[in-house]
N, C-alpha and C. Protein backbone atom coordinates (compact mmCIF):
# COMPACT_ATOMS: atom_id res chain seq x y z
N MET A 1 91.50 109.62 80.09
CA MET A 1 91.79 110.44 81.24
C MET A 1 92.14 109.53 82.41
N GLU A 2 93.20 109.86 83.12
CA GLU A 2 93.65 109.05 84.25
C GLU A 2 92.94 109.51 85.53
N SER A 3 92.33 108.57 86.22
CA SER A 3 91.65 108.85 87.47
C SER A 3 92.60 108.51 88.63
N LYS A 4 92.65 109.40 89.63
CA LYS A 4 93.54 109.21 90.77
C LYS A 4 92.79 109.45 92.07
N ILE A 5 93.38 108.95 93.17
CA ILE A 5 92.80 109.16 94.50
C ILE A 5 93.92 109.25 95.52
N ILE A 6 93.69 110.06 96.55
CA ILE A 6 94.60 110.14 97.69
C ILE A 6 94.10 109.13 98.73
N LEU A 7 95.00 108.29 99.21
CA LEU A 7 94.66 107.23 100.17
C LEU A 7 95.58 107.33 101.39
N TYR A 8 95.11 106.80 102.52
CA TYR A 8 95.84 106.87 103.78
C TYR A 8 95.94 105.48 104.41
N HIS A 9 97.10 105.21 105.01
CA HIS A 9 97.35 103.92 105.64
C HIS A 9 98.04 104.15 106.98
N SER A 10 97.56 103.51 108.04
CA SER A 10 98.20 103.59 109.35
C SER A 10 98.80 102.24 109.70
N ASN A 11 100.03 102.27 110.21
CA ASN A 11 100.71 101.03 110.56
C ASN A 11 101.88 101.36 111.48
N GLU A 12 102.65 100.33 111.83
CA GLU A 12 103.84 100.55 112.65
C GLU A 12 104.80 101.47 111.91
N LYS A 13 105.44 102.34 112.67
CA LYS A 13 106.25 103.41 112.09
C LYS A 13 107.34 102.88 111.16
N GLU A 14 108.05 101.84 111.55
CA GLU A 14 109.14 101.32 110.72
C GLU A 14 108.62 100.74 109.40
N LYS A 15 107.48 100.08 109.46
CA LYS A 15 106.87 99.54 108.23
C LYS A 15 106.46 100.67 107.30
N CYS A 16 105.91 101.74 107.87
CA CYS A 16 105.50 102.89 107.06
C CYS A 16 106.71 103.56 106.41
N LYS A 17 107.78 103.70 107.16
CA LYS A 17 109.00 104.30 106.60
C LYS A 17 109.54 103.46 105.46
N GLU A 18 109.54 102.14 105.63
CA GLU A 18 110.01 101.25 104.56
C GLU A 18 109.12 101.37 103.32
N PHE A 19 107.81 101.43 103.53
CA PHE A 19 106.87 101.59 102.42
C PHE A 19 107.17 102.88 101.63
N VAL A 20 107.40 103.97 102.36
CA VAL A 20 107.64 105.26 101.71
C VAL A 20 109.01 105.31 101.04
N ASN A 21 110.02 104.74 101.67
CA ASN A 21 111.39 104.89 101.18
C ASN A 21 111.83 103.86 100.13
N LYS A 22 111.13 102.75 100.03
CA LYS A 22 111.52 101.73 99.06
C LYS A 22 110.52 101.67 97.92
N GLU A 23 111.04 101.51 96.72
CA GLU A 23 110.16 101.33 95.56
C GLU A 23 109.60 99.91 95.58
N ASN A 24 108.46 99.73 94.96
CA ASN A 24 107.85 98.41 94.80
C ASN A 24 107.64 97.69 96.12
N THR A 25 107.24 98.44 97.15
CA THR A 25 107.00 97.86 98.47
C THR A 25 105.58 98.15 98.92
N LEU A 26 104.91 97.12 99.39
CA LEU A 26 103.61 97.25 100.04
C LEU A 26 103.72 96.66 101.44
N ILE A 27 102.89 97.14 102.35
CA ILE A 27 102.78 96.53 103.68
C ILE A 27 101.59 95.57 103.60
N ILE A 28 101.87 94.31 103.34
CA ILE A 28 100.81 93.33 103.18
C ILE A 28 100.20 93.02 104.56
N SER A 29 98.91 93.19 104.66
CA SER A 29 98.22 92.98 105.93
C SER A 29 98.34 91.53 106.39
N LYS A 30 98.50 91.37 107.68
CA LYS A 30 98.55 90.04 108.30
C LYS A 30 97.38 89.87 109.27
N ASN A 31 96.37 90.70 109.13
CA ASN A 31 95.21 90.67 110.01
C ASN A 31 94.43 89.37 109.78
N LEU A 32 94.04 88.73 110.86
CA LEU A 32 93.30 87.47 110.76
C LEU A 32 91.91 87.65 110.17
N ARG A 33 91.41 88.87 110.12
CA ARG A 33 90.07 89.13 109.57
C ARG A 33 90.09 89.51 108.10
N ASP A 34 91.25 89.47 107.46
CA ASP A 34 91.33 89.82 106.04
C ASP A 34 90.45 88.92 105.17
N ASP A 35 90.16 87.71 105.66
CA ASP A 35 89.32 86.81 104.86
C ASP A 35 87.89 87.32 104.74
N ILE A 36 87.40 88.10 105.69
CA ILE A 36 86.05 88.66 105.55
C ILE A 36 86.06 90.02 104.86
N TRP A 37 87.25 90.58 104.66
CA TRP A 37 87.38 91.86 103.97
C TRP A 37 87.82 91.62 102.53
N LEU A 38 88.98 92.08 102.15
CA LEU A 38 89.39 92.04 100.74
C LEU A 38 90.61 91.15 100.51
N GLY A 39 90.90 90.27 101.44
CA GLY A 39 92.00 89.32 101.25
C GLY A 39 93.37 89.96 101.38
N LYS A 40 94.35 89.34 100.73
CA LYS A 40 95.74 89.80 100.80
C LYS A 40 95.89 91.16 100.13
N GLY A 41 96.79 91.98 100.68
CA GLY A 41 97.06 93.29 100.10
C GLY A 41 97.33 94.32 101.17
N MET A 42 97.48 95.56 100.76
CA MET A 42 97.71 96.69 101.67
C MET A 42 96.43 97.52 101.73
N TYR A 43 95.88 97.66 102.91
CA TYR A 43 94.61 98.35 103.10
C TYR A 43 94.80 99.85 103.30
N PHE A 44 93.89 100.62 102.70
CA PHE A 44 93.93 102.07 102.79
C PHE A 44 92.53 102.61 103.10
N TRP A 45 92.52 103.78 103.73
CA TRP A 45 91.30 104.56 103.94
C TRP A 45 91.26 105.66 102.89
N ASP A 46 90.06 106.16 102.61
CA ASP A 46 89.92 107.22 101.61
C ASP A 46 89.95 108.62 102.22
N ASN A 47 90.10 108.72 103.56
CA ASN A 47 90.23 110.04 104.17
C ASN A 47 91.10 109.98 105.42
N ILE A 48 91.68 111.09 105.79
CA ILE A 48 92.61 111.17 106.91
C ILE A 48 91.90 110.89 108.24
N GLY A 49 90.63 111.27 108.35
CA GLY A 49 89.89 111.04 109.59
C GLY A 49 89.80 109.57 109.95
N ASN A 50 89.50 108.73 108.97
CA ASN A 50 89.42 107.29 109.23
C ASN A 50 90.80 106.72 109.54
N ALA A 51 91.83 107.22 108.87
CA ALA A 51 93.19 106.76 109.15
C ALA A 51 93.60 107.16 110.57
N LYS A 52 93.23 108.35 111.00
CA LYS A 52 93.53 108.78 112.37
C LYS A 52 92.80 107.89 113.38
N TRP A 53 91.54 107.57 113.10
CA TRP A 53 90.77 106.68 113.97
C TRP A 53 91.48 105.34 114.11
N TRP A 54 91.91 104.75 112.98
CA TRP A 54 92.60 103.46 113.01
C TRP A 54 93.94 103.60 113.74
N HIS A 55 94.62 104.70 113.52
CA HIS A 55 95.89 104.98 114.21
C HIS A 55 95.69 104.98 115.72
N ARG A 56 94.68 105.70 116.18
CA ARG A 56 94.39 105.76 117.63
C ARG A 56 94.01 104.39 118.17
N LYS A 57 93.20 103.66 117.42
CA LYS A 57 92.75 102.33 117.85
C LYS A 57 93.95 101.40 118.02
N GLN A 58 94.84 101.37 117.04
CA GLN A 58 96.02 100.50 117.11
C GLN A 58 96.98 100.97 118.21
N SER A 59 97.16 102.29 118.34
CA SER A 59 98.05 102.82 119.38
C SER A 59 97.54 102.47 120.78
N ASN A 60 96.23 102.51 120.98
CA ASN A 60 95.65 102.13 122.27
C ASN A 60 95.72 100.63 122.51
N ARG A 61 95.55 99.85 121.45
CA ARG A 61 95.59 98.39 121.56
C ARG A 61 97.01 97.88 121.83
N TYR A 62 98.00 98.52 121.21
CA TYR A 62 99.40 98.11 121.34
C TYR A 62 100.26 99.32 121.73
N PRO A 63 100.16 99.79 122.99
CA PRO A 63 100.85 101.02 123.39
C PRO A 63 102.38 100.91 123.33
N GLU A 64 102.91 99.72 123.31
CA GLU A 64 104.37 99.54 123.23
C GLU A 64 104.92 99.79 121.83
N LYS A 65 104.05 99.84 120.82
CA LYS A 65 104.47 100.05 119.44
C LYS A 65 104.24 101.50 119.03
N LYS A 66 105.03 101.96 118.08
CA LYS A 66 104.90 103.32 117.54
C LYS A 66 104.25 103.23 116.16
N TYR A 67 103.22 104.04 115.95
CA TYR A 67 102.47 104.03 114.69
C TYR A 67 102.57 105.37 113.99
N CYS A 68 102.36 105.35 112.70
CA CYS A 68 102.25 106.59 111.93
C CYS A 68 101.32 106.35 110.75
N ILE A 69 101.08 107.40 109.99
CA ILE A 69 100.16 107.34 108.85
C ILE A 69 100.93 107.72 107.59
N THR A 70 100.65 106.97 106.52
CA THR A 70 101.22 107.31 105.21
C THR A 70 100.10 107.87 104.33
N ILE A 71 100.51 108.62 103.34
CA ILE A 71 99.59 109.14 102.32
C ILE A 71 100.12 108.67 100.97
N ALA A 72 99.21 108.25 100.11
CA ALA A 72 99.61 107.77 98.78
C ALA A 72 98.66 108.32 97.73
N ASN A 73 99.22 108.62 96.58
CA ASN A 73 98.44 109.02 95.42
C ASN A 73 98.42 107.80 94.49
N ALA A 74 97.23 107.30 94.21
CA ALA A 74 97.11 106.07 93.43
C ALA A 74 96.23 106.28 92.20
N THR A 75 96.57 105.58 91.13
CA THR A 75 95.73 105.62 89.94
C THR A 75 94.61 104.59 90.09
N LEU A 76 93.47 104.91 89.52
CA LEU A 76 92.30 104.05 89.60
C LEU A 76 91.98 103.37 88.27
N ASN A 77 92.93 103.37 87.36
CA ASN A 77 92.67 102.82 86.02
C ASN A 77 92.35 101.33 86.03
N LYS A 78 92.90 100.61 87.02
CA LYS A 78 92.67 99.17 87.10
C LYS A 78 92.01 98.84 88.45
N LEU A 79 90.87 99.51 88.69
CA LEU A 79 90.13 99.38 89.95
C LEU A 79 89.04 98.32 89.82
N LEU A 80 88.99 97.41 90.78
CA LEU A 80 87.86 96.50 90.93
C LEU A 80 86.93 97.15 91.96
N ASP A 81 85.87 97.76 91.48
CA ASP A 81 84.99 98.59 92.31
C ASP A 81 83.80 97.78 92.80
N LEU A 82 83.91 97.24 94.01
CA LEU A 82 82.83 96.44 94.58
C LEU A 82 81.72 97.29 95.17
N THR A 83 81.79 98.62 95.01
CA THR A 83 80.69 99.49 95.38
C THR A 83 79.75 99.70 94.19
N ASN A 84 80.14 99.21 93.03
CA ASN A 84 79.33 99.28 91.80
C ASN A 84 78.46 98.02 91.74
N TYR A 85 77.14 98.20 91.81
CA TYR A 85 76.21 97.06 91.88
C TYR A 85 76.36 96.12 90.69
N GLU A 86 76.56 96.65 89.51
CA GLU A 86 76.70 95.79 88.32
C GLU A 86 77.94 94.89 88.42
N ILE A 87 79.04 95.44 88.90
CA ILE A 87 80.26 94.64 89.08
C ILE A 87 80.05 93.62 90.18
N TYR A 88 79.46 94.04 91.27
CA TYR A 88 79.14 93.16 92.40
C TYR A 88 78.34 91.93 91.93
N MET A 89 77.31 92.17 91.11
CA MET A 89 76.47 91.07 90.63
C MET A 89 77.18 90.22 89.58
N SER A 90 77.97 90.83 88.70
CA SER A 90 78.68 90.03 87.69
C SER A 90 79.73 89.15 88.36
N LEU A 91 80.36 89.62 89.42
CA LEU A 91 81.32 88.79 90.15
C LEU A 91 80.62 87.63 90.85
N ASP A 92 79.41 87.87 91.32
CA ASP A 92 78.64 86.79 91.95
C ASP A 92 78.37 85.68 90.94
N LYS A 93 77.97 86.04 89.72
CA LYS A 93 77.72 85.04 88.67
C LYS A 93 79.01 84.33 88.29
N LEU A 94 80.10 85.08 88.15
CA LEU A 94 81.39 84.48 87.83
C LEU A 94 81.80 83.49 88.91
N TRP A 95 81.65 83.88 90.18
CA TRP A 95 82.03 83.01 91.28
C TRP A 95 81.21 81.72 91.28
N GLU A 96 79.91 81.83 91.07
CA GLU A 96 79.06 80.64 91.03
C GLU A 96 79.49 79.70 89.90
N ASN A 97 79.80 80.25 88.73
CA ASN A 97 80.26 79.43 87.61
C ASN A 97 81.59 78.75 87.90
N ILE A 98 82.52 79.49 88.50
CA ILE A 98 83.82 78.91 88.86
C ILE A 98 83.63 77.76 89.84
N CYS A 99 82.79 77.97 90.82
CA CYS A 99 82.56 76.94 91.84
C CYS A 99 81.94 75.69 91.24
N LYS A 100 81.03 75.85 90.29
CA LYS A 100 80.43 74.69 89.62
C LYS A 100 81.47 73.94 88.79
N LEU A 101 82.28 74.68 88.02
CA LEU A 101 83.29 74.05 87.18
C LEU A 101 84.39 73.36 87.98
N CYS A 102 84.79 73.97 89.08
CA CYS A 102 85.92 73.47 89.88
C CYS A 102 85.48 72.64 91.08
N ASN A 103 84.17 72.47 91.24
CA ASN A 103 83.64 71.76 92.40
C ASN A 103 84.18 72.39 93.70
N TYR A 104 84.11 73.70 93.74
CA TYR A 104 84.64 74.49 94.85
C TYR A 104 83.48 74.98 95.70
N ASN A 105 83.66 75.07 97.01
CA ASN A 105 82.63 75.57 97.91
C ASN A 105 82.38 77.06 97.64
N SER A 106 81.17 77.41 97.26
CA SER A 106 80.87 78.81 96.95
C SER A 106 80.64 79.65 98.20
N ASN A 107 80.40 79.00 99.33
CA ASN A 107 80.07 79.71 100.56
C ASN A 107 81.33 79.96 101.40
N VAL A 108 82.21 80.82 100.88
CA VAL A 108 83.41 81.21 101.61
C VAL A 108 83.42 82.73 101.75
N PRO A 109 84.15 83.26 102.73
CA PRO A 109 84.19 84.71 102.92
C PRO A 109 84.76 85.45 101.71
N LEU A 110 84.41 86.72 101.60
CA LEU A 110 84.81 87.57 100.47
C LEU A 110 86.31 87.54 100.23
N GLY A 111 87.12 87.69 101.27
CA GLY A 111 88.57 87.72 101.11
C GLY A 111 89.12 86.45 100.48
N LYS A 112 88.55 85.31 100.85
CA LYS A 112 89.00 84.04 100.27
C LYS A 112 88.61 83.96 98.79
N LYS A 113 87.43 84.47 98.46
CA LYS A 113 87.01 84.52 97.05
C LYS A 113 87.98 85.37 96.24
N LEU A 114 88.28 86.56 96.76
CA LEU A 114 89.16 87.48 96.05
C LEU A 114 90.58 86.91 95.95
N ASN A 115 91.09 86.30 97.00
CA ASN A 115 92.42 85.68 96.94
C ASN A 115 92.46 84.63 95.84
N PHE A 116 91.41 83.82 95.73
CA PHE A 116 91.36 82.79 94.68
C PHE A 116 91.35 83.43 93.29
N LEU A 117 90.51 84.46 93.11
CA LEU A 117 90.42 85.11 91.80
C LEU A 117 91.74 85.77 91.41
N PHE A 118 92.42 86.37 92.37
CA PHE A 118 93.70 87.03 92.08
C PHE A 118 94.82 86.01 91.90
N ASP A 119 94.83 84.95 92.69
CA ASP A 119 95.92 83.97 92.62
C ASP A 119 95.76 82.97 91.47
N SER A 120 94.52 82.65 91.15
CA SER A 120 94.29 81.53 90.22
C SER A 120 93.51 81.88 88.97
N PHE A 121 92.98 83.08 88.88
CA PHE A 121 92.07 83.38 87.77
C PHE A 121 92.47 84.63 86.99
N GLY A 122 93.70 85.09 87.16
CA GLY A 122 94.22 86.18 86.35
C GLY A 122 93.80 87.58 86.75
N PHE A 123 93.17 87.75 87.89
CA PHE A 123 92.76 89.09 88.30
C PHE A 123 93.96 89.99 88.59
N GLU A 124 95.11 89.40 88.95
CA GLU A 124 96.29 90.22 89.26
C GLU A 124 96.76 91.00 88.05
N GLU A 125 96.44 90.52 86.85
CA GLU A 125 96.81 91.24 85.62
C GLU A 125 95.80 92.33 85.28
N LYS A 126 94.56 92.13 85.68
CA LYS A 126 93.49 93.05 85.31
C LYS A 126 93.26 94.18 86.32
N TYR A 127 93.53 93.91 87.61
CA TYR A 127 93.22 94.87 88.67
C TYR A 127 94.42 95.14 89.56
N ASP A 128 94.59 96.42 89.93
CA ASP A 128 95.64 96.83 90.86
C ASP A 128 95.12 97.04 92.28
N LEU A 129 93.85 97.41 92.39
CA LEU A 129 93.28 97.68 93.71
C LEU A 129 91.79 97.42 93.71
N ILE A 130 91.27 97.24 94.92
CA ILE A 130 89.85 96.92 95.12
C ILE A 130 89.26 97.99 96.03
N LYS A 131 88.02 98.35 95.76
CA LYS A 131 87.27 99.31 96.58
C LYS A 131 86.02 98.64 97.12
N VAL A 132 85.74 98.87 98.40
CA VAL A 132 84.52 98.35 99.02
C VAL A 132 84.08 99.30 100.12
N TYR A 133 82.82 99.22 100.50
CA TYR A 133 82.33 99.94 101.67
C TYR A 133 82.26 98.97 102.84
N GLY A 134 82.63 99.45 104.01
CA GLY A 134 82.53 98.66 105.23
C GLY A 134 81.57 99.31 106.19
N LYS A 135 80.77 98.50 106.86
CA LYS A 135 79.81 99.00 107.84
C LYS A 135 80.46 98.98 109.22
N TYR A 136 80.47 100.12 109.89
CA TYR A 136 81.05 100.25 111.22
C TYR A 136 79.97 100.70 112.20
N ASN A 137 79.33 99.73 112.85
CA ASN A 137 78.21 100.03 113.73
C ASN A 137 78.59 100.83 114.97
N GLY A 138 79.86 100.89 115.32
CA GLY A 138 80.28 101.63 116.50
C GLY A 138 80.53 103.10 116.24
N THR A 139 80.24 103.58 115.04
CA THR A 139 80.45 104.98 114.71
C THR A 139 79.51 105.86 115.53
N PRO A 140 80.03 106.87 116.24
CA PRO A 140 79.16 107.73 117.06
C PRO A 140 78.07 108.41 116.23
N ASN A 141 76.90 108.46 116.80
CA ASN A 141 75.72 109.03 116.14
C ASN A 141 75.29 110.31 116.86
N ASN A 142 76.22 111.17 117.17
CA ASN A 142 75.87 112.37 117.93
C ASN A 142 76.55 113.61 117.37
N GLY A 143 76.69 113.67 116.07
CA GLY A 143 77.38 114.80 115.44
C GLY A 143 76.45 115.73 114.69
N PHE A 144 76.93 116.22 113.59
CA PHE A 144 76.24 117.20 112.76
C PHE A 144 74.85 116.73 112.31
N PHE A 145 74.69 115.44 112.10
CA PHE A 145 73.38 114.85 111.79
C PHE A 145 73.30 113.49 112.46
N GLN A 146 72.09 113.00 112.68
CA GLN A 146 71.89 111.69 113.29
C GLN A 146 71.48 110.68 112.22
N PHE A 147 71.73 109.43 112.52
CA PHE A 147 71.32 108.33 111.64
C PHE A 147 70.96 107.15 112.51
N ASP A 148 70.24 106.21 111.96
CA ASP A 148 69.73 105.07 112.71
C ASP A 148 70.36 103.79 112.19
N TYR A 149 71.08 103.09 113.06
CA TYR A 149 71.72 101.82 112.67
C TYR A 149 70.69 100.73 112.37
N ASN A 150 69.53 100.83 113.00
CA ASN A 150 68.57 99.71 112.96
C ASN A 150 67.50 99.83 111.88
N THR A 151 67.37 100.97 111.26
CA THR A 151 66.33 101.15 110.26
C THR A 151 66.83 100.78 108.86
N MET A 152 65.93 100.48 107.99
CA MET A 152 66.28 100.20 106.59
C MET A 152 66.02 101.41 105.71
N LYS A 153 65.64 102.55 106.31
CA LYS A 153 65.36 103.73 105.50
C LYS A 153 66.65 104.30 104.91
N THR A 154 66.52 104.92 103.77
CA THR A 154 67.64 105.57 103.11
C THR A 154 67.90 106.90 103.80
N GLU A 155 69.15 107.12 104.23
CA GLU A 155 69.49 108.34 104.94
C GLU A 155 71.00 108.54 104.93
N PRO A 156 71.47 109.78 105.16
CA PRO A 156 72.90 110.00 105.29
C PRO A 156 73.46 109.27 106.51
N THR A 157 74.68 108.80 106.40
CA THR A 157 75.34 108.14 107.52
C THR A 157 76.85 108.26 107.37
N ILE A 158 77.55 108.23 108.49
CA ILE A 158 79.01 108.12 108.44
C ILE A 158 79.45 106.76 108.97
N ALA A 159 78.49 105.85 109.16
CA ALA A 159 78.80 104.50 109.66
C ALA A 159 79.30 103.59 108.55
N VAL A 160 79.33 104.07 107.31
CA VAL A 160 79.87 103.30 106.18
C VAL A 160 81.19 103.96 105.79
N LYS A 161 82.23 103.14 105.75
CA LYS A 161 83.57 103.63 105.44
C LYS A 161 84.05 103.03 104.12
N CYS A 162 84.74 103.83 103.33
CA CYS A 162 85.30 103.36 102.07
C CYS A 162 86.71 102.82 102.32
N ILE A 163 86.95 101.60 101.88
CA ILE A 163 88.22 100.92 102.11
C ILE A 163 88.77 100.47 100.76
N TYR A 164 90.07 100.66 100.59
CA TYR A 164 90.77 100.20 99.39
C TYR A 164 91.81 99.16 99.79
N ASN A 165 92.00 98.18 98.95
CA ASN A 165 93.05 97.20 99.13
C ASN A 165 93.92 97.23 97.88
N VAL A 166 95.17 97.66 98.05
CA VAL A 166 96.10 97.72 96.92
C VAL A 166 96.75 96.34 96.77
N LYS A 167 96.60 95.76 95.60
CA LYS A 167 97.16 94.46 95.28
C LYS A 167 98.46 94.58 94.50
N ASN A 168 98.59 95.68 93.75
CA ASN A 168 99.75 95.87 92.88
C ASN A 168 100.32 97.27 93.12
N VAL A 169 101.57 97.32 93.57
CA VAL A 169 102.21 98.59 93.93
C VAL A 169 102.33 99.54 92.74
N SER A 170 102.22 99.05 91.53
CA SER A 170 102.41 99.92 90.36
C SER A 170 101.35 101.02 90.26
N CYS A 171 100.22 100.89 90.96
CA CYS A 171 99.20 101.93 90.91
C CYS A 171 99.54 103.11 91.81
N ILE A 172 100.52 102.95 92.69
CA ILE A 172 100.91 104.04 93.60
C ILE A 172 101.96 104.90 92.91
N ILE A 173 101.63 106.18 92.69
CA ILE A 173 102.53 107.06 91.95
C ILE A 173 103.29 108.03 92.84
N GLU A 174 102.80 108.24 94.07
CA GLU A 174 103.48 109.07 95.06
C GLU A 174 103.14 108.53 96.44
N LYS A 175 104.07 108.72 97.40
CA LYS A 175 103.79 108.30 98.77
C LYS A 175 104.67 109.09 99.72
N ASP A 176 104.15 109.28 100.94
CA ASP A 176 104.89 110.05 101.94
C ASP A 176 104.32 109.72 103.31
N LEU A 177 105.02 110.18 104.36
CA LEU A 177 104.52 110.07 105.72
C LEU A 177 103.69 111.31 106.03
N VAL A 178 102.61 111.14 106.79
CA VAL A 178 101.79 112.26 107.24
C VAL A 178 102.42 112.79 108.52
N LYS A 179 102.56 114.10 108.59
CA LYS A 179 103.12 114.73 109.78
C LYS A 179 102.19 114.49 110.96
N GLU A 180 102.75 113.98 112.07
CA GLU A 180 101.94 113.72 113.26
C GLU A 180 101.55 115.02 113.93
N GLU A 181 100.33 115.01 114.42
CA GLU A 181 99.82 116.15 115.17
C GLU A 181 99.35 115.63 116.52
N LYS A 182 99.85 116.21 117.60
CA LYS A 182 99.60 115.68 118.94
C LYS A 182 98.11 115.61 119.27
N GLU A 183 97.30 116.55 118.79
CA GLU A 183 95.89 116.55 119.18
C GLU A 183 95.13 115.33 118.66
N TRP A 184 95.53 114.73 117.53
CA TRP A 184 94.80 113.55 117.06
C TRP A 184 95.42 112.28 117.58
N ILE A 185 96.60 112.29 118.11
CA ILE A 185 97.21 111.09 118.66
C ILE A 185 96.62 110.77 120.03
N LYS A 186 96.32 111.79 120.83
CA LYS A 186 95.90 111.58 122.21
C LYS A 186 94.43 111.23 122.36
N LYS A 187 93.60 111.53 121.39
CA LYS A 187 92.17 111.26 121.52
C LYS A 187 91.91 109.77 121.69
N LYS A 188 90.94 109.45 122.51
CA LYS A 188 90.56 108.04 122.73
C LYS A 188 89.68 107.55 121.59
N VAL A 189 89.76 106.25 121.35
CA VAL A 189 88.96 105.62 120.29
C VAL A 189 87.53 105.50 120.76
């Protein structure tokens, strides 16, 4: 059975149009913080709300640029799921072994580890995309339910966001632009 997911990406309007209109095209992130996230690739959110938030943040940060949101339907058959504890731990063991064999520094950010595994260790053949959760401490805590950033207790929260990084465009089976709605463009971040 083929597993699929709808994903959202916000970026400059021309880049989004090129992504939608050209086959075999990804918008490879050039963010300087990719080394602490998932390395090289095209980043996606798992829901429109997070994509709108990122859209507003970028639009406010760079008001001279025009942004839009894309929607993509992607297959998950070749997913590297870093939200799965067993995979997370097996990758840790693999990384430690690679570092011992190659005399490589094991204490590097996640994105650098993943770039190495994809560029030098054959992961590009095995995986099309990566999934991880990101902690966003600035998420407002005044909605339908409250949560505590500082406690270690188990509780519902919206301060954790699901992020995907597409490494191989072949997992994207459909893509389009999301119609802009004025009410979500004007809201402040």
